[in-house]
Amino acid sequence: MAQKPHPSAPPARSRQIILERQPDESLAAWESTLVAIAQGGAATVTRQPDGSALICWPAGVAL
């Protein structure tokens, strides 16, 4: 008799979000925020050509 397949959870996926600098936010404050996120060690910060930043972190990690 054939065994029934066991249900499996989908693989965990990393998370990502795009952050944009606010019009009233200084460039120094924006850079400080991105540095603080990157120094936390859980996320990777990638600056985009349009001035935004892509923040990526592994699944299961809460920021």
PDB file of N, CA and C in Angstrom:
ATOM      1  N   MET A   1       0.839  -1.172   0.000  1.00  0.00           N
ATOM      2  CA  MET A   1       0.000   0.000   0.000  1.00  0.00           C
ATOM      3  C   MET A   1       0.891   1.245   0.000  1.00  0.00           C
ATOM      4  N   ALA A   2       0.561   2.181  -0.833  1.00  0.00           N
ATOM      5  CA  ALA A   2       1.366   3.407  -0.961  1.00  0.00           C
ATOM      6  C   ALA A   2       1.137   4.321   0.233  1.00  0.00           C
ATOM      7  N   GLN A   3       2.215   4.962   0.649  1.00  0.00           N
ATOM      8  CA  GLN A   3       2.109   5.907   1.756  1.00  0.00           C
ATOM      9  C   GLN A   3       1.598   7.242   1.247  1.00  0.00           C
ATOM     10  N   LYS A   4       0.831   7.910   2.083  1.00  0.00           N
ATOM     11  CA  LYS A   4       0.341   9.237   1.732  1.00  0.00           C
ATOM     12  C   LYS A   4       1.495  10.226   1.879  1.00  0.00           C
ATOM     13  N   PRO A   5       1.600  11.170   0.969  1.00  0.00           N
ATOM     14  CA  PRO A   5       2.657  12.178   1.121  1.00  0.00           C
ATOM     15  C   PRO A   5       2.383  13.041   2.347  1.00  0.00           C
ATOM     16  N   HIS A   6       3.452  13.403   3.025  1.00  0.00           N
ATOM     17  CA  HIS A   6       3.325  14.275   4.188  1.00  0.00           C
ATOM     18  C   HIS A   6       3.235  15.720   3.713  1.00  0.00           C
ATOM     19  N   PRO A   7       2.285  16.458   4.281  1.00  0.00           N
ATOM     20  CA  PRO A   7       2.221  17.875   3.904  1.00  0.00           C
ATOM     21  C   PRO A   7       3.493  18.585   4.362  1.00  0.00           C
ATOM     22  N   SER A   8       3.950  19.468   3.553  1.00  0.00           N
ATOM     23  CA  SER A   8       5.157  20.206   3.917  1.00  0.00           C
ATOM     24  C   SER A   8       4.893  21.698   3.822  1.00  0.00           C
ATOM     25  N   ALA A   9       5.578  22.417   4.662  1.00  0.00           N
ATOM     26  CA  ALA A   9       5.460  23.876   4.643  1.00  0.00           C
ATOM     27  C   ALA A   9       6.311  24.410   3.501  1.00  0.00           C
ATOM     28  N   PRO A  10       5.880  25.489   2.879  1.00  0.00           N
ATOM     29  CA  PRO A  10       6.718  26.081   1.833  1.00  0.00           C
ATOM     30  C   PRO A  10       8.025  26.580   2.442  1.00  0.00           C
ATOM     31  N   PRO A  11       9.072  26.604   1.647  1.00  0.00           N
ATOM     32  CA  PRO A  11      10.352  27.069   2.191  1.00  0.00           C
ATOM     33  C   PRO A  11      10.259  28.527   2.645  1.00  0.00           C
ATOM     34  N   ALA A  12      10.975  28.831   3.704  1.00  0.00           N
ATOM     35  CA  ALA A  12      10.993  30.202   4.218  1.00  0.00           C
ATOM     36  C   ALA A  12      11.650  31.118   3.195  1.00  0.00           C
ATOM     37  N   ARG A  13      11.084  32.272   3.020  1.00  0.00           N
ATOM     38  CA  ARG A  13      11.622  33.236   2.057  1.00  0.00           C
ATOM     39  C   ARG A  13      12.140  34.447   2.790  1.00  0.00           C
ATOM     40  N   SER A  14      13.184  35.010   2.251  1.00  0.00           N
ATOM     41  CA  SER A  14      13.705  36.229   2.852  1.00  0.00           C
ATOM     42  C   SER A  14      12.701  37.357   2.638  1.00  0.00           C
ATOM     43  N   ARG A  15      12.838  38.369   3.421  1.00  0.00           N
ATOM     44  CA  ARG A  15      11.940  39.531   3.360  1.00  0.00           C
ATOM     45  C   ARG A  15      12.708  40.715   2.799  1.00  0.00           C
ATOM     46  N   GLN A  16      11.985  41.595   2.154  1.00  0.00           N
ATOM     47  CA  GLN A  16      12.609  42.818   1.662  1.00  0.00           C
ATOM     48  C   GLN A  16      11.593  43.941   1.615  1.00  0.00           C
ATOM     49  N   ILE A  17      12.125  45.137   1.738  1.00  0.00           N
ATOM     50  CA  ILE A  17      11.306  46.339   1.687  1.00  0.00           C
ATOM     51  C   ILE A  17      12.148  47.446   1.064  1.00  0.00           C
ATOM     52  N   ILE A  18      11.497  48.341   0.375  1.00  0.00           N
ATOM     53  CA  ILE A  18      12.193  49.499  -0.188  1.00  0.00           C
ATOM     54  C   ILE A  18      11.820  50.709   0.650  1.00  0.00           C
ATOM     55  N   LEU A  19      12.836  51.400   1.137  1.00  0.00           N
ATOM     56  CA  LEU A  19      12.627  52.621   1.914  1.00  0.00           C
ATOM     57  C   LEU A  19      12.983  53.825   1.050  1.00  0.00           C
ATOM     58  N   GLU A  20      12.199  54.872   1.183  1.00  0.00           N
ATOM     59  CA  GLU A  20      12.478  56.115   0.466  1.00  0.00           C
ATOM     60  C   GLU A  20      12.680  57.237   1.476  1.00  0.00           C
ATOM     61  N   ARG A  21      13.602  58.101   1.157  1.00  0.00           N
ATOM     62  CA  ARG A  21      13.846  59.267   1.999  1.00  0.00           C
ATOM     63  C   ARG A  21      12.661  60.218   1.892  1.00  0.00           C
ATOM     64  N   GLN A  22      12.228  60.710   3.036  1.00  0.00           N
ATOM     65  CA  GLN A  22      11.110  61.649   3.067  1.00  0.00           C
ATOM     66  C   GLN A  22      11.580  63.032   2.644  1.00  0.00           C
ATOM     67  N   PRO A  23      10.708  63.816   2.012  1.00  0.00           N
ATOM     68  CA  PRO A  23      11.111  65.141   1.536  1.00  0.00           C
ATOM     69  C   PRO A  23      11.664  66.052   2.630  1.00  0.00           C
ATOM     70  N   ASP A  24      11.164  65.912   3.855  1.00  0.00           N
ATOM     71  CA  ASP A  24      11.630  66.780   4.939  1.00  0.00           C
ATOM     72  C   ASP A  24      12.776  66.154   5.740  1.00  0.00           C
ATOM     73  N   GLU A  25      13.279  65.003   5.309  1.00  0.00           N
ATOM     74  CA  GLU A  25      14.374  64.314   6.005  1.00  0.00           C
ATOM     75  C   GLU A  25      15.713  64.747   5.414  1.00  0.00           C
ATOM     76  N   SER A  26      16.620  65.138   6.268  1.00  0.00           N
ATOM     77  CA  SER A  26      17.931  65.570   5.780  1.00  0.00           C
ATOM     78  C   SER A  26      18.712  64.367   5.256  1.00  0.00           C
ATOM     79  N   LEU A  27      19.652  64.643   4.365  1.00  0.00           N
ATOM     80  CA  LEU A  27      20.496  63.575   3.821  1.00  0.00           C
ATOM     81  C   LEU A  27      21.297  62.919   4.940  1.00  0.00           C
ATOM     82  N   ALA A  28      21.761  63.714   5.907  1.00  0.00           N
ATOM     83  CA  ALA A  28      22.528  63.169   7.034  1.00  0.00           C
ATOM     84  C   ALA A  28      21.668  62.213   7.870  1.00  0.00           C
ATOM     85  N   ALA A  29      20.427  62.579   8.116  1.00  0.00           N
ATOM     86  CA  ALA A  29      19.530  61.722   8.890  1.00  0.00           C
ATOM     87  C   ALA A  29      19.228  60.433   8.128  1.00  0.00           C
ATOM     88  N   TRP A  30      19.027  60.540   6.816  1.00  0.00           N
ATOM     89  CA  TRP A  30      18.768  59.378   5.959  1.00  0.00           C
ATOM     90  C   TRP A  30      19.951  58.412   6.009  1.00  0.00           C
ATOM     91  N   GLU A  31      21.143  58.930   5.829  1.00  0.00           N
ATOM     92  CA  GLU A  31      22.340  58.083   5.861  1.00  0.00           C
ATOM     93  C   GLU A  31      22.515  57.453   7.235  1.00  0.00           C
ATOM     94  N   SER A  32      22.247  58.207   8.285  1.00  0.00           N
ATOM     95  CA  SER A  32      22.355  57.686   9.645  1.00  0.00           C
ATOM     96  C   SER A  32      21.390  56.522   9.862  1.00  0.00           C
ATOM     97  N   THR A  33      20.189  56.642   9.344  1.00  0.00           N
ATOM     98  CA  THR A  33      19.199  55.569   9.455  1.00  0.00           C
ATOM     99  C   THR A  33      19.674  54.317   8.742  1.00  0.00           C
ATOM    100  N   LEU A  34      20.177  54.465   7.518  1.00  0.00           N
ATOM    101  CA  LEU A  34      20.645  53.310   6.749  1.00  0.00           C
ATOM    102  C   LEU A  34      21.840  52.640   7.412  1.00  0.00           C
ATOM    103  N   VAL A  35      22.740  53.431   7.952  1.00  0.00           N
ATOM    104  CA  VAL A  35      23.907  52.877   8.646  1.00  0.00           C
ATOM    105  C   VAL A  35      23.461  52.110   9.881  1.00  0.00           C
ATOM    106  N   ALA A  36      22.509  52.645  10.629  1.00  0.00           N
ATOM    107  CA  ALA A  36      22.012  51.971  11.831  1.00  0.00           C
ATOM    108  C   ALA A  36      21.368  50.628  11.485  1.00  0.00           C
ATOM    109  N   ILE A  37      20.616  50.590  10.399  1.00  0.00           N
ATOM    110  CA  ILE A  37      19.995  49.335   9.965  1.00  0.00           C
ATOM    111  C   ILE A  37      21.070  48.321   9.594  1.00  0.00           C
ATOM    112  N   ALA A  38      22.050  48.748   8.819  1.00  0.00           N
ATOM    113  CA  ALA A  38      23.116  47.848   8.372  1.00  0.00           C
ATOM    114  C   ALA A  38      23.967  47.359   9.535  1.00  0.00           C
ATOM    115  N   GLN A  39      24.234  48.208  10.507  1.00  0.00           N
ATOM    116  CA  GLN A  39      25.078  47.827  11.636  1.00  0.00           C
ATOM    117  C   GLN A  39      24.376  46.862  12.580  1.00  0.00           C
ATOM    118  N   GLY A  40      23.050  46.772  12.487  1.00  0.00           N
ATOM    119  CA  GLY A  40      22.320  45.819  13.315  1.00  0.00           C
ATOM    120  C   GLY A  40      22.694  44.378  12.983  1.00  0.00           C
ATOM    121  N   GLY A  41      23.202  44.160  11.771  1.00  0.00           N
ATOM    122  CA  GLY A  41      23.697  42.854  11.380  1.00  0.00           C
ATOM    123  C   GLY A  41      22.664  41.895  10.817  1.00  0.00           C
ATOM    124  N   ALA A  42      21.383  42.127  11.045  1.00  0.00           N
ATOM    125  CA  ALA A  42      20.365  41.199  10.564  1.00  0.00           C
ATOM    126  C   ALA A  42      19.930  41.502   9.137  1.00  0.00           C
ATOM    127  N   ALA A  43      20.146  42.726   8.693  1.00  0.00           N
ATOM    128  CA  ALA A  43      19.662  43.131   7.379  1.00  0.00           C
ATOM    129  C   ALA A  43      20.803  43.630   6.503  1.00  0.00           C
ATOM    130  N   THR A  44      20.564  43.534   5.207  1.00  0.00           N
ATOM    131  CA  THR A  44      21.488  44.060   4.212  1.00  0.00           C
ATOM    132  C   THR A  44      20.840  45.292   3.589  1.00  0.00           C
ATOM    133  N   VAL A  45      21.590  46.364   3.500  1.00  0.00           N
ATOM    134  CA  VAL A  45      21.101  47.606   2.923  1.00  0.00           C
ATOM    135  C   VAL A  45      21.781  47.809   1.576  1.00  0.00           C
ATOM    136  N   THR A  46      20.973  47.980   0.529  1.00  0.00           N
ATOM    137  CA  THR A  46      21.497  48.245  -0.807  1.00  0.00           C
ATOM    138  C   THR A  46      20.902  49.557  -1.289  1.00  0.00           C
ATOM    139  N   ARG A  47      21.768  50.528  -1.489  1.00  0.00           N
ATOM    140  CA  ARG A  47      21.296  51.832  -1.980  1.00  0.00           C
ATOM    141  C   ARG A  47      20.984  51.715  -3.469  1.00  0.00           C
ATOM    142  N   GLN A  48      19.857  52.271  -3.858  1.00  0.00           N
ATOM    143  CA  GLN A  48      19.391  52.214  -5.235  1.00  0.00           C
ATOM    144  C   GLN A  48      19.746  53.520  -5.964  1.00  0.00           C
ATOM    145  N   PRO A  49      19.870  53.460  -7.290  1.00  0.00           N
ATOM    146  CA  PRO A  49      20.232  54.657  -8.056  1.00  0.00           C
ATOM    147  C   PRO A  49      19.243  55.821  -7.892  1.00  0.00           C
ATOM    148  N   ASP A  50      17.984  55.514  -7.587  1.00  0.00           N
ATOM    149  CA  ASP A  50      16.991  56.585  -7.452  1.00  0.00           C
ATOM    150  C   ASP A  50      16.993  57.230  -6.066  1.00  0.00           C
ATOM    151  N   GLY A  51      17.921  56.804  -5.180  1.00  0.00           N
ATOM    152  CA  GLY A  51      18.019  57.386  -3.850  1.00  0.00           C
ATOM    153  C   GLY A  51      17.317  56.576  -2.773  1.00  0.00           C
ATOM    154  N   SER A  52      16.525  55.581  -3.160  1.00  0.00           N
ATOM    155  CA  SER A  52      15.875  54.731  -2.172  1.00  0.00           C
ATOM    156  C   SER A  52      16.869  53.672  -1.689  1.00  0.00           C
ATOM    157  N   ALA A  53      16.425  52.831  -0.774  1.00  0.00           N
ATOM    158  CA  ALA A  53      17.287  51.776  -0.260  1.00  0.00           C
ATOM    159  C   ALA A  53      16.496  50.482  -0.171  1.00  0.00           C
ATOM    160  N   LEU A  54      17.072  49.393  -0.622  1.00  0.00           N
ATOM    161  CA  LEU A  54      16.478  48.067  -0.524  1.00  0.00           C
ATOM    162  C   LEU A  54      17.009  47.422   0.745  1.00  0.00           C
ATOM    163  N   ILE A  55      16.111  47.037   1.649  1.00  0.00           N
ATOM    164  CA  ILE A  55      16.491  46.401   2.900  1.00  0.00           C
ATOM    165  C   ILE A  55      16.043  44.941   2.801  1.00  0.00           C
ATOM    166  N   CYS A  56      16.986  44.005   2.975  1.00  0.00           N
ATOM    167  CA  CYS A  56      16.698  42.569   2.899  1.00  0.00           C
ATOM    168  C   CYS A  56      17.142  41.901   4.187  1.00  0.00           C
ATOM    169  N   TRP A  57      16.324  40.969   4.674  1.00  0.00           N
ATOM    170  CA  TRP A  57      16.691  40.199   5.846  1.00  0.00           C
ATOM    171  C   TRP A  57      16.117  38.790   5.718  1.00  0.00           C
ATOM    172  N   PRO A  58      16.760  37.804   6.369  1.00  0.00           N
ATOM    173  CA  PRO A  58      16.328  36.420   6.257  1.00  0.00           C
ATOM    174  C   PRO A  58      14.968  36.187   6.908  1.00  0.00           C
ATOM    175  N   ALA A  59      14.281  35.175   6.425  1.00  0.00           N
ATOM    176  CA  ALA A  59      13.000  34.799   7.021  1.00  0.00           C
ATOM    177  C   ALA A  59      13.229  34.405   8.478  1.00  0.00           C
ATOM    178  N   GLY A  60      12.283  34.687   9.305  1.00  0.00           N
ATOM    179  CA  GLY A  60      12.373  34.322  10.714  1.00  0.00           C
ATOM    180  C   GLY A  60      13.097  35.338  11.571  1.00  0.00           C
ATOM    181  N   VAL A  61      13.651  36.364  10.969  1.00  0.00           N
ATOM    182  CA  VAL A  61      14.350  37.408  11.720  1.00  0.00           C
ATOM    183  C   VAL A  61      13.413  38.604  11.819  1.00  0.00           C
ATOM    184  N   ALA A  62      13.162  39.049  13.030  1.00  0.00           N
ATOM    185  CA  ALA A  62      12.321  40.234  13.234  1.00  0.00           C
ATOM    186  C   ALA A  62      13.226  41.456  13.357  1.00  0.00           C
ATOM    187  N   LEU A  63      12.892  42.485  12.631  1.00  0.00           N
ATOM    188  CA  LEU A  63      13.670  43.716  12.723  1.00  0.00           C
ATOM    189  C   LEU A  63      12.981  44.695  13.639  1.00  0.00           C
TER     190      LEU A  63
END
